[in-house]
């Protein structure tokens, strides 16, 4: 593990001008784009790669999320993908030689109704069958793990228990991006910021390059990893993605001494809370209901999530809000991602992660790199092909993704 790292992230990688051509171009300089480039170089020996970012590196959803990492998803396909991701997370600080504050403090999903209890216990059973470290805990155990939760029976939505995954946790989002960027740069990958893709160059039905705000770049292969703006890029390329983009907001409080030892989520009350390493309370809720590409949201969502948080955590009633922010999430109709080839030859897409993109970062890069390099799906992302919306082989994870996380 490196003991000392430059304080400014720009020192961690070069900022080169784009070359005339690359073997592969990845559109999107967030976590998924950088992880894809890293695994293309590490696992497949492809180093003549460019990662194109229209703004600054990790300036999209990567540094606008609330950093929760977990793998306790219901369906076999989801559990396999996210558990692979969690296992990669567990080795990445050493592999990338960067301490990005990965903290396995556990995640609780609260149950407030009998239906919540039934669905939660079903998910625990499914998780255990898939080798995921999930368990059902009682209200007393919830209180023991997180003493500041109100588990009394005199509140609107009393806590009736929770699922708990001890290996889950959080990490420092922008540091994760910097760690991947530094390793990509060491292996010869060009990271090109302030380079917006404006069009795709095709020879018949095959993509052969991209037009950008910094000129034409020829490419043997093109991978799209632009999250909320994926539908815009797909339209430029000439095909449609079955996704909708929504604003997603979150907020942090002023700094406090450590009071919140784990991550607590509640789909029913619709809020989730953790405490960052510096001491801020990090809170989020669901996506704004309208479609849009703006990195902002409505005040009413903040108001509702704060009311829910104070009900569960009365100690927060006097906490001061420090700042809020928004991202743009791309949601599919089955709340599961797309990691797939596209109708355009040599073009591939990684999109539709909704609110689960950060936790899936390593597995997204690992499997997407395999698909780009070999032109075949990895077994983990084979179920996430684009054509499942035609065949009906959907992976409906709305129950696991009802609250943004």
Protein backbone atom coordinates (compact mmCIF):
# COMPACT_ATOMS: atom_id res chain seq x y z
CA UNK A 1 0.00 0.00 0.00
CA UNK A 2 1.39 3.38 -0.94
CA UNK A 3 1.96 5.46 2.19
CA UNK A 4 2.04 8.85 0.51
CA UNK A 5 0.05 10.06 -2.48
CA UNK A 6 -0.02 13.49 -4.12
CA UNK A 7 -2.65 15.72 -2.60
CA UNK A 8 -4.01 16.88 -5.96
CA UNK A 9 -5.56 14.15 -8.15
CA UNK A 10 -4.22 15.66 -11.39
CA UNK A 11 -0.75 14.49 -10.31
CA UNK A 12 -1.91 10.88 -10.43
CA UNK A 13 -2.29 10.65 -14.19
CA UNK A 14 -1.29 12.39 -17.41
CA UNK A 15 -3.64 14.73 -19.26
CA UNK A 16 -2.64 13.93 -22.86
CA UNK A 17 -4.02 15.22 -26.12
CA UNK A 18 -6.02 12.57 -27.98
CA UNK A 19 -4.15 10.43 -30.50
CA UNK A 20 -5.60 9.99 -34.01
CA UNK A 21 -6.70 6.42 -33.28
CA UNK A 22 -7.06 3.81 -30.56
CA UNK A 23 -7.87 0.12 -30.40
CA UNK A 24 -10.78 1.00 -28.11
CA UNK A 25 -12.45 4.18 -26.93
CA UNK A 26 -14.48 4.22 -23.72
CA UNK A 27 -17.01 7.05 -23.52
CA UNK A 28 -17.45 8.14 -19.93
CA UNK A 29 -14.74 8.94 -17.39
CA UNK A 30 -16.57 7.80 -14.27
CA UNK A 31 -16.09 4.68 -12.22
CA UNK A 32 -17.45 2.26 -14.80
CA UNK A 33 -15.50 3.73 -17.70
CA UNK A 34 -12.25 3.76 -15.73
CA UNK A 35 -12.81 0.26 -14.36
CA UNK A 36 -13.49 -0.99 -17.89
CA UNK A 37 -10.24 0.50 -19.17
CA UNK A 38 -8.36 -0.94 -16.18
CA UNK A 39 -9.62 -4.48 -16.76
CA UNK A 40 -9.12 -4.22 -20.55
CA UNK A 41 -5.47 -3.48 -19.84
CA UNK A 42 -5.00 -5.85 -16.91
CA UNK A 43 -6.99 -8.88 -18.07
CA UNK A 44 -6.91 -8.56 -21.85
CA UNK A 45 -3.66 -6.76 -22.65
CA UNK A 46 -5.36 -3.85 -24.42
CA UNK A 47 -3.49 -0.66 -23.55
CA UNK A 48 -4.00 1.47 -26.66
CA UNK A 49 -7.20 2.80 -25.11
CA UNK A 50 -8.70 6.23 -24.53
CA UNK A 51 -11.23 7.11 -21.85
CA UNK A 52 -13.16 10.20 -22.97
CA UNK A 53 -14.86 12.43 -20.40
CA UNK A 54 -16.84 15.47 -21.51
CA UNK A 55 -16.17 17.26 -18.22
CA UNK A 56 -13.78 16.39 -15.44
CA UNK A 57 -12.97 12.87 -14.36
CA UNK A 58 -15.62 11.44 -12.01
CA UNK A 59 -17.67 14.63 -12.30
CA UNK A 60 -20.85 12.75 -13.14
CA UNK A 61 -22.56 10.14 -10.97
CA UNK A 62 -19.30 8.73 -9.64
CA UNK A 63 -18.73 11.61 -7.22
CA UNK A 64 -22.46 12.35 -6.76
CA UNK A 65 -23.60 9.10 -5.18
CA UNK A 66 -23.77 8.00 -1.56
CA UNK A 67 -21.15 5.23 -1.83
CA UNK A 68 -23.08 2.23 -0.48
CA UNK A 69 -21.62 -1.17 -1.39
CA UNK A 70 -23.61 -4.38 -0.90
CA UNK A 71 -24.56 -7.59 -2.71
CA UNK A 72 -27.81 -8.72 -1.03
CA UNK A 73 -29.95 -8.73 -4.17
CA UNK A 74 -32.85 -11.13 -4.66
CA UNK A 75 -32.41 -12.88 -7.99
CA UNK A 76 -29.62 -15.33 -8.79
CA UNK A 77 -28.28 -13.21 -11.66
CA UNK A 78 -28.14 -10.09 -9.51
CA UNK A 79 -26.60 -11.80 -6.50
CA UNK A 80 -23.90 -13.31 -8.71
CA UNK A 81 -22.98 -9.99 -10.31
CA UNK A 82 -22.99 -7.90 -7.14
CA UNK A 83 -21.28 -10.56 -5.02
CA UNK A 84 -18.50 -10.74 -7.60
CA UNK A 85 -18.28 -6.97 -7.33
CA UNK A 86 -18.07 -7.07 -3.54
CA UNK A 87 -15.31 -9.66 -3.68
CA UNK A 88 -13.40 -7.43 -6.08
CA UNK A 89 -13.95 -4.46 -3.77
CA UNK A 90 -12.37 -6.43 -0.93
CA UNK A 91 -9.10 -6.76 -2.85
CA UNK A 92 -8.99 -3.47 -4.73
CA UNK A 93 -7.26 -1.24 -2.13
CA UNK A 94 -4.22 -3.52 -2.25
CA UNK A 95 -4.48 -4.21 -5.97
CA UNK A 96 -4.75 -0.52 -6.90
CA UNK A 97 -2.28 0.49 -4.16
CA UNK A 98 -4.60 3.21 -2.93
CA UNK A 99 -6.49 3.50 0.34
CA UNK A 100 -9.90 4.74 -0.81
CA UNK A 101 -11.42 4.20 2.65
CA UNK A 102 -13.32 1.00 1.95
CA UNK A 103 -15.18 0.34 5.21
CA UNK A 104 -17.13 -2.91 5.68
CA UNK A 105 -19.41 -1.63 8.41
CA UNK A 106 -22.51 -3.59 7.35
CA UNK A 107 -25.84 -2.60 5.82
CA UNK A 108 -29.29 -3.00 7.39
CA UNK A 109 -32.54 -2.94 5.40
CA UNK A 110 -35.36 -2.25 7.85
CA UNK A 111 -38.79 -3.92 7.77
CA UNK A 112 -41.81 -1.95 9.02
CA UNK A 113 -44.82 -4.08 8.00
CA UNK A 114 -45.68 -7.77 7.86
CA UNK A 115 -45.28 -7.64 4.10
CA UNK A 116 -41.83 -6.09 4.56
CA UNK A 117 -40.95 -8.93 6.94
CA UNK A 118 -42.07 -11.63 4.50
CA UNK A 119 -40.23 -10.06 1.55
CA UNK A 120 -37.10 -9.42 3.60
CA UNK A 121 -36.91 -12.96 4.95
CA UNK A 122 -37.44 -14.31 1.45
CA UNK A 123 -34.49 -12.22 0.26
CA UNK A 124 -32.31 -13.44 3.14
CA UNK A 125 -33.10 -17.06 2.23
CA UNK A 126 -32.30 -16.40 -1.43
CA UNK A 127 -29.05 -14.64 -0.47
CA UNK A 128 -27.93 -17.52 1.73
CA UNK A 129 -28.62 -20.02 -1.05
CA UNK A 130 -26.36 -17.90 -3.29
CA UNK A 131 -23.56 -17.70 -0.73
CA UNK A 132 -24.20 -14.08 0.24
CA UNK A 133 -23.63 -13.22 3.91
CA UNK A 134 -27.18 -12.13 4.75
CA UNK A 135 -29.15 -12.66 7.94
CA UNK A 136 -32.45 -11.66 9.51
CA UNK A 137 -32.15 -9.69 12.76
CA UNK A 138 -34.76 -8.76 15.36
CA UNK A 139 -35.59 -5.23 16.57
CA UNK A 140 -33.41 -5.81 19.65
CA UNK A 141 -30.50 -6.78 17.41
CA UNK A 142 -31.13 -3.72 15.24
CA UNK A 143 -30.89 -1.57 18.36
CA UNK A 144 -27.73 -3.32 19.47
CA UNK A 145 -26.04 -2.76 16.10
CA UNK A 146 -27.21 0.86 15.80
CA UNK A 147 -28.26 2.28 19.19
CA UNK A 148 -29.51 5.60 17.79
CA UNK A 149 -32.40 4.01 15.83
CA UNK A 150 -35.85 4.51 17.29
CA UNK A 151 -37.19 0.96 17.69
CA UNK A 152 -40.12 1.93 19.90
CA UNK A 153 -43.67 0.81 19.08
CA UNK A 154 -45.17 4.31 19.31
CA UNK A 155 -44.01 5.56 15.90
CA UNK A 156 -45.82 5.55 12.59
CA UNK A 157 -43.68 2.78 11.08
CA UNK A 158 -42.23 0.66 13.91
CA UNK A 159 -39.12 -1.41 13.18
CA UNK A 160 -40.14 -5.08 12.97
CA UNK A 161 -36.68 -6.38 12.10
CA UNK A 162 -34.14 -6.03 9.33
CA UNK A 163 -31.94 -7.83 6.86
CA UNK A 164 -28.27 -7.42 7.62
CA UNK A 165 -25.18 -7.96 5.47
CA UNK A 166 -22.02 -7.61 7.61
CA UNK A 167 -19.57 -7.44 4.65
CA UNK A 168 -21.36 -4.51 3.04
CA UNK A 169 -20.23 -0.94 3.61
CA UNK A 170 -19.04 2.26 1.99
CA UNK A 171 -15.97 3.72 0.21
CA UNK A 172 -14.76 7.19 -0.73
CA UNK A 173 -16.17 7.64 -4.23
CA UNK A 174 -13.81 10.15 -5.84
CA UNK A 175 -10.78 8.35 -4.38
CA UNK A 176 -11.98 5.16 -6.08
CA UNK A 177 -11.99 6.99 -9.43
CA UNK A 178 -8.52 8.40 -8.78
CA UNK A 179 -7.21 4.94 -7.87
CA UNK A 180 -8.48 3.43 -11.13
CA UNK A 181 -7.25 6.43 -13.13
CA UNK A 182 -3.74 6.19 -11.72
CA UNK A 183 -3.46 2.48 -12.54
CA UNK A 184 -4.90 3.01 -16.03
CA UNK A 185 -2.34 5.71 -16.66
CA UNK A 186 0.49 3.49 -15.45
CA UNK A 187 -0.55 0.88 -18.04
CA UNK A 188 -0.60 3.43 -20.88
CA UNK A 189 -4.31 4.26 -21.08
CA UNK A 190 -5.03 7.86 -22.15
CA UNK A 191 -7.52 9.68 -19.94
CA UNK A 192 -8.83 12.66 -21.90
CA UNK A 193 -10.95 15.18 -20.01
CA UNK A 194 -13.03 18.01 -21.48
CA UNK A 195 -13.63 15.88 -24.55
CA UNK A 196 -17.32 15.57 -25.45
CA UNK A 197 -18.45 13.00 -28.01
CA UNK A 198 -20.64 14.78 -30.56
CA UNK A 199 -21.18 12.00 -33.11
CA UNK A 200 -20.17 8.49 -34.11
CA UNK A 201 -18.42 7.63 -37.37
CA UNK A 202 -19.67 4.47 -39.04
CA UNK A 203 -18.73 2.38 -42.03
CA UNK A 204 -22.02 0.74 -42.88
CA UNK A 205 -23.26 -0.72 -39.61
CA UNK A 206 -19.83 -0.74 -37.98
CA UNK A 207 -18.54 2.03 -35.73
CA UNK A 208 -15.04 3.16 -36.73
CA UNK A 209 -14.57 6.30 -34.66
CA UNK A 210 -16.00 9.22 -32.77
CA UNK A 211 -16.32 12.91 -33.45
CA UNK A 212 -15.46 14.94 -30.38
CA UNK A 213 -15.08 18.52 -29.24
CA UNK A 214 -11.34 17.90 -29.63
CA UNK A 215 -11.49 16.41 -33.12
CA UNK A 216 -12.02 13.06 -34.77
CA UNK A 217 -10.70 9.92 -33.07
CA UNK A 218 -10.65 6.62 -34.93
CA UNK A 219 -11.48 3.55 -32.87
CA UNK A 220 -11.51 -0.18 -33.40
CA UNK A 221 -14.16 -0.58 -30.72
CA UNK A 222 -16.34 1.83 -28.74
CA UNK A 223 -17.77 1.22 -25.28
CA UNK A 224 -20.49 3.49 -23.89
CA UNK A 225 -20.35 3.99 -20.11
CA UNK A 226 -22.04 7.34 -19.64
CA UNK A 227 -24.78 6.46 -17.10
CA UNK A 228 -27.61 9.01 -17.21
CA UNK A 229 -26.64 10.27 -20.66
CA UNK A 230 -26.43 6.85 -22.27
CA UNK A 231 -29.72 7.35 -24.12
CA UNK A 232 -28.35 10.52 -25.75
CA UNK A 233 -25.30 8.66 -27.02
CA UNK A 234 -27.40 5.74 -28.24
CA UNK A 235 -29.58 8.13 -30.23
CA UNK A 236 -26.45 9.59 -31.83
CA UNK A 237 -25.35 6.08 -32.78
CA UNK A 238 -28.74 5.21 -34.27
CA UNK A 239 -30.37 2.85 -31.76
CA UNK A 240 -32.61 3.23 -28.73
CA UNK A 241 -32.02 2.12 -25.16
CA UNK A 242 -34.94 1.04 -22.92
CA UNK A 243 -33.93 3.42 -20.15
CA UNK A 244 -35.28 6.54 -18.50
CA UNK A 245 -33.09 9.17 -16.87
CA UNK A 246 -34.12 10.73 -13.57
CA UNK A 247 -32.52 13.21 -11.18
CA UNK A 248 -31.34 11.69 -7.93
CA UNK A 249 -30.56 13.80 -4.89
CA UNK A 250 -28.63 13.30 -1.69
CA UNK A 251 -27.42 15.48 1.15
CA UNK A 252 -24.97 15.68 4.01
CA UNK A 253 -25.12 17.28 7.42
CA UNK A 254 -22.50 19.24 9.26
CA UNK A 255 -19.70 17.24 10.92
CA UNK A 256 -20.41 15.18 14.03
CA UNK A 257 -18.53 12.83 16.28
CA UNK A 258 -19.09 9.15 15.32
CA UNK A 259 -22.67 8.26 16.25
CA UNK A 260 -23.83 6.04 13.36
CA UNK A 261 -21.79 2.82 13.13
CA UNK A 262 -23.41 1.14 10.14
CA UNK A 263 -25.58 1.87 7.07
CA UNK A 264 -29.35 1.86 7.58
CA UNK A 265 -31.84 1.71 4.71
CA UNK A 266 -35.62 1.76 4.76
CA UNK A 267 -37.64 1.24 1.59
CA UNK A 268 -40.92 1.80 3.41
CA UNK A 269 -40.03 5.08 5.10
CA UNK A 270 -37.89 5.82 2.03
CA UNK A 271 -34.58 7.01 3.37
CA UNK A 272 -31.10 5.67 3.96
CA UNK A 273 -28.39 7.03 6.24
CA UNK A 274 -24.71 6.45 6.87
CA UNK A 275 -21.93 8.51 8.44
CA UNK A 276 -18.93 9.46 6.36
CA UNK A 277 -15.38 9.10 7.61
CA UNK A 278 -15.11 12.85 8.24
CA UNK A 279 -18.33 12.84 10.29
CA UNK A 280 -21.09 14.04 7.97
CA UNK A 281 -24.40 12.20 8.01
CA UNK A 282 -25.01 11.10 4.42
CA UNK A 283 -28.67 10.72 3.47
CA UNK A 284 -30.61 9.87 0.37
CA UNK A 285 -34.02 8.72 -0.78
CA UNK A 286 -35.63 7.85 -4.10
CA UNK A 287 -35.29 9.40 -7.52
CA UNK A 288 -37.32 12.42 -8.53
CA UNK A 289 -40.36 11.21 -10.44
CA UNK A 290 -39.84 13.27 -13.59
CA UNK A 291 -37.45 12.47 -16.45
CA UNK A 292 -34.51 14.76 -17.01
CA UNK A 293 -30.77 15.06 -17.47
CA UNK A 294 -30.17 17.89 -14.99
CA UNK A 295 -27.94 17.32 -11.96
CA UNK A 296 -30.43 18.79 -9.53
CA UNK A 297 -33.79 17.91 -8.02
CA UNK A 298 -36.86 19.16 -6.19
CA UNK A 299 -36.96 20.47 -2.64
CA UNK A 300 -39.94 18.29 -1.73
CA UNK A 301 -37.77 15.15 -1.98
CA UNK A 302 -35.28 16.59 0.48
CA UNK A 303 -38.09 17.61 2.82
CA UNK A 304 -39.59 14.11 2.79
CA UNK A 305 -36.32 12.28 3.30
CA UNK A 306 -35.39 14.51 6.24
CA UNK A 307 -38.78 13.89 7.86
CA UNK A 308 -38.24 10.14 7.45
CA UNK A 309 -34.72 10.33 8.83
CA UNK A 310 -35.79 12.25 11.93
CA UNK A 311 -38.52 9.70 12.62
CA UNK A 312 -36.04 6.84 12.57
CA UNK A 313 -33.23 8.82 14.21
CA UNK A 314 -34.64 11.40 16.65
CA UNK A 315 -31.07 12.39 17.54
CA UNK A 316 -30.82 14.03 14.10
CA UNK A 317 -33.61 16.55 14.80
CA UNK A 318 -31.14 19.34 15.57
CA UNK A 319 -28.62 18.47 12.88
CA UNK A 320 -27.92 21.21 10.35
CA UNK A 321 -28.02 20.51 6.63
CA UNK A 322 -24.63 21.32 5.07
CA UNK A 323 -25.22 20.77 1.35
CA UNK A 324 -27.26 18.87 -1.22
CA UNK A 325 -26.42 17.67 -4.70
CA UNK A 326 -27.89 15.71 -7.56
CA UNK A 327 -26.92 13.18 -10.20
CA UNK A 328 -28.64 11.69 -13.23
CA UNK A 329 -29.48 8.00 -13.04
CA UNK A 330 -30.50 5.77 -15.91
CA UNK A 331 -33.20 3.29 -14.95
CA UNK A 332 -34.36 0.27 -16.95
CA UNK A 333 -37.83 -1.21 -16.80
CA UNK A 334 -36.68 -4.17 -14.71
CA UNK A 335 -34.33 -2.15 -12.44
CA UNK A 336 -31.32 -4.13 -13.65
CA UNK A 337 -28.39 -2.97 -15.80
CA UNK A 338 -27.53 -3.52 -19.44
CA UNK A 339 -23.99 -4.84 -20.17
CA UNK A 340 -24.14 -5.84 -23.78
CA UNK A 341 -23.25 -5.57 -27.40
CA UNK A 342 -25.51 -3.28 -29.42
CA UNK A 343 -27.14 -3.31 -32.88
CA UNK A 344 -24.06 -1.39 -34.09
CA UNK A 345 -21.06 -3.64 -34.81
CA UNK A 346 -18.10 -3.11 -32.46
CA UNK A 347 -20.13 -0.84 -30.19
CA UNK A 348 -21.00 -1.94 -26.67
CA UNK A 349 -23.05 -0.43 -23.88
CA UNK A 350 -22.92 -0.49 -20.11
CA UNK A 351 -25.96 1.39 -18.79
CA UNK A 352 -29.18 1.22 -16.85
CA UNK A 353 -27.70 0.68 -13.38
CA UNK A 354 -30.15 3.10 -11.85
CA UNK A 355 -29.18 3.69 -8.24
CA UNK A 356 -26.88 0.65 -7.98
CA UNK A 357 -24.00 1.78 -10.16
CA UNK A 358 -21.37 2.60 -7.57
CA UNK A 359 -21.52 -0.73 -5.77
CA UNK A 360 -21.29 -2.50 -9.12
CA UNK A 361 -18.24 -0.56 -10.33
CA UNK A 362 -15.61 -3.35 -10.25
CA UNK A 363 -17.90 -6.03 -11.70
CA UNK A 364 -19.22 -3.64 -14.34
CA UNK A 365 -15.69 -2.92 -15.50
CA UNK A 366 -14.62 -6.56 -15.26
CA UNK A 367 -17.50 -7.95 -17.33
CA UNK A 368 -17.79 -5.03 -19.75
CA UNK A 369 -14.08 -5.30 -20.53
CA UNK A 370 -14.53 -9.01 -21.26
CA UNK A 371 -17.42 -8.28 -23.63
CA UNK A 372 -15.49 -5.55 -25.47
CA UNK A 373 -12.27 -7.56 -25.74
CA UNK A 374 -13.78 -10.89 -26.79
CA UNK A 375 -17.03 -9.74 -28.42
CA UNK A 376 -18.76 -12.28 -26.19
CA UNK A 377 -20.63 -11.92 -22.92
CA UNK A 378 -18.99 -13.02 -19.70
CA UNK A 379 -21.18 -15.57 -17.84
CA UNK A 380 -21.90 -12.91 -15.20
CA UNK A 381 -23.24 -10.35 -17.67
CA UNK A 382 -24.81 -12.72 -20.19
CA UNK A 383 -28.26 -12.31 -18.53
CA UNK A 384 -27.94 -8.52 -18.89
CA UNK A 385 -28.07 -8.45 -22.68
CA UNK A 386 -29.99 -5.71 -24.43
CA UNK A 387 -32.27 -8.22 -26.18
CA UNK A 388 -33.86 -9.37 -22.90
CA UNK A 389 -36.38 -6.56 -23.34
CA UNK A 390 -37.52 -8.32 -26.51
CA UNK A 391 -37.35 -11.91 -25.26
CA UNK A 392 -38.96 -11.16 -21.90
CA UNK A 393 -36.12 -12.67 -19.84
CA UNK A 394 -36.21 -9.76 -17.40
CA UNK A 395 -34.45 -9.56 -14.02
CA UNK A 396 -36.92 -7.58 -11.96
CA UNK A 397 -35.07 -6.10 -8.99
CA UNK A 398 -37.55 -3.36 -8.13
CA UNK A 399 -37.87 -4.80 -4.63
CA UNK A 400 -34.13 -4.43 -4.02
CA UNK A 401 -33.94 -1.04 -5.69
CA UNK A 402 -37.05 0.69 -4.38
CA UNK A 403 -35.01 3.23 -2.47
CA UNK A 404 -31.96 4.82 -4.04
CA UNK A 405 -28.79 3.28 -2.61
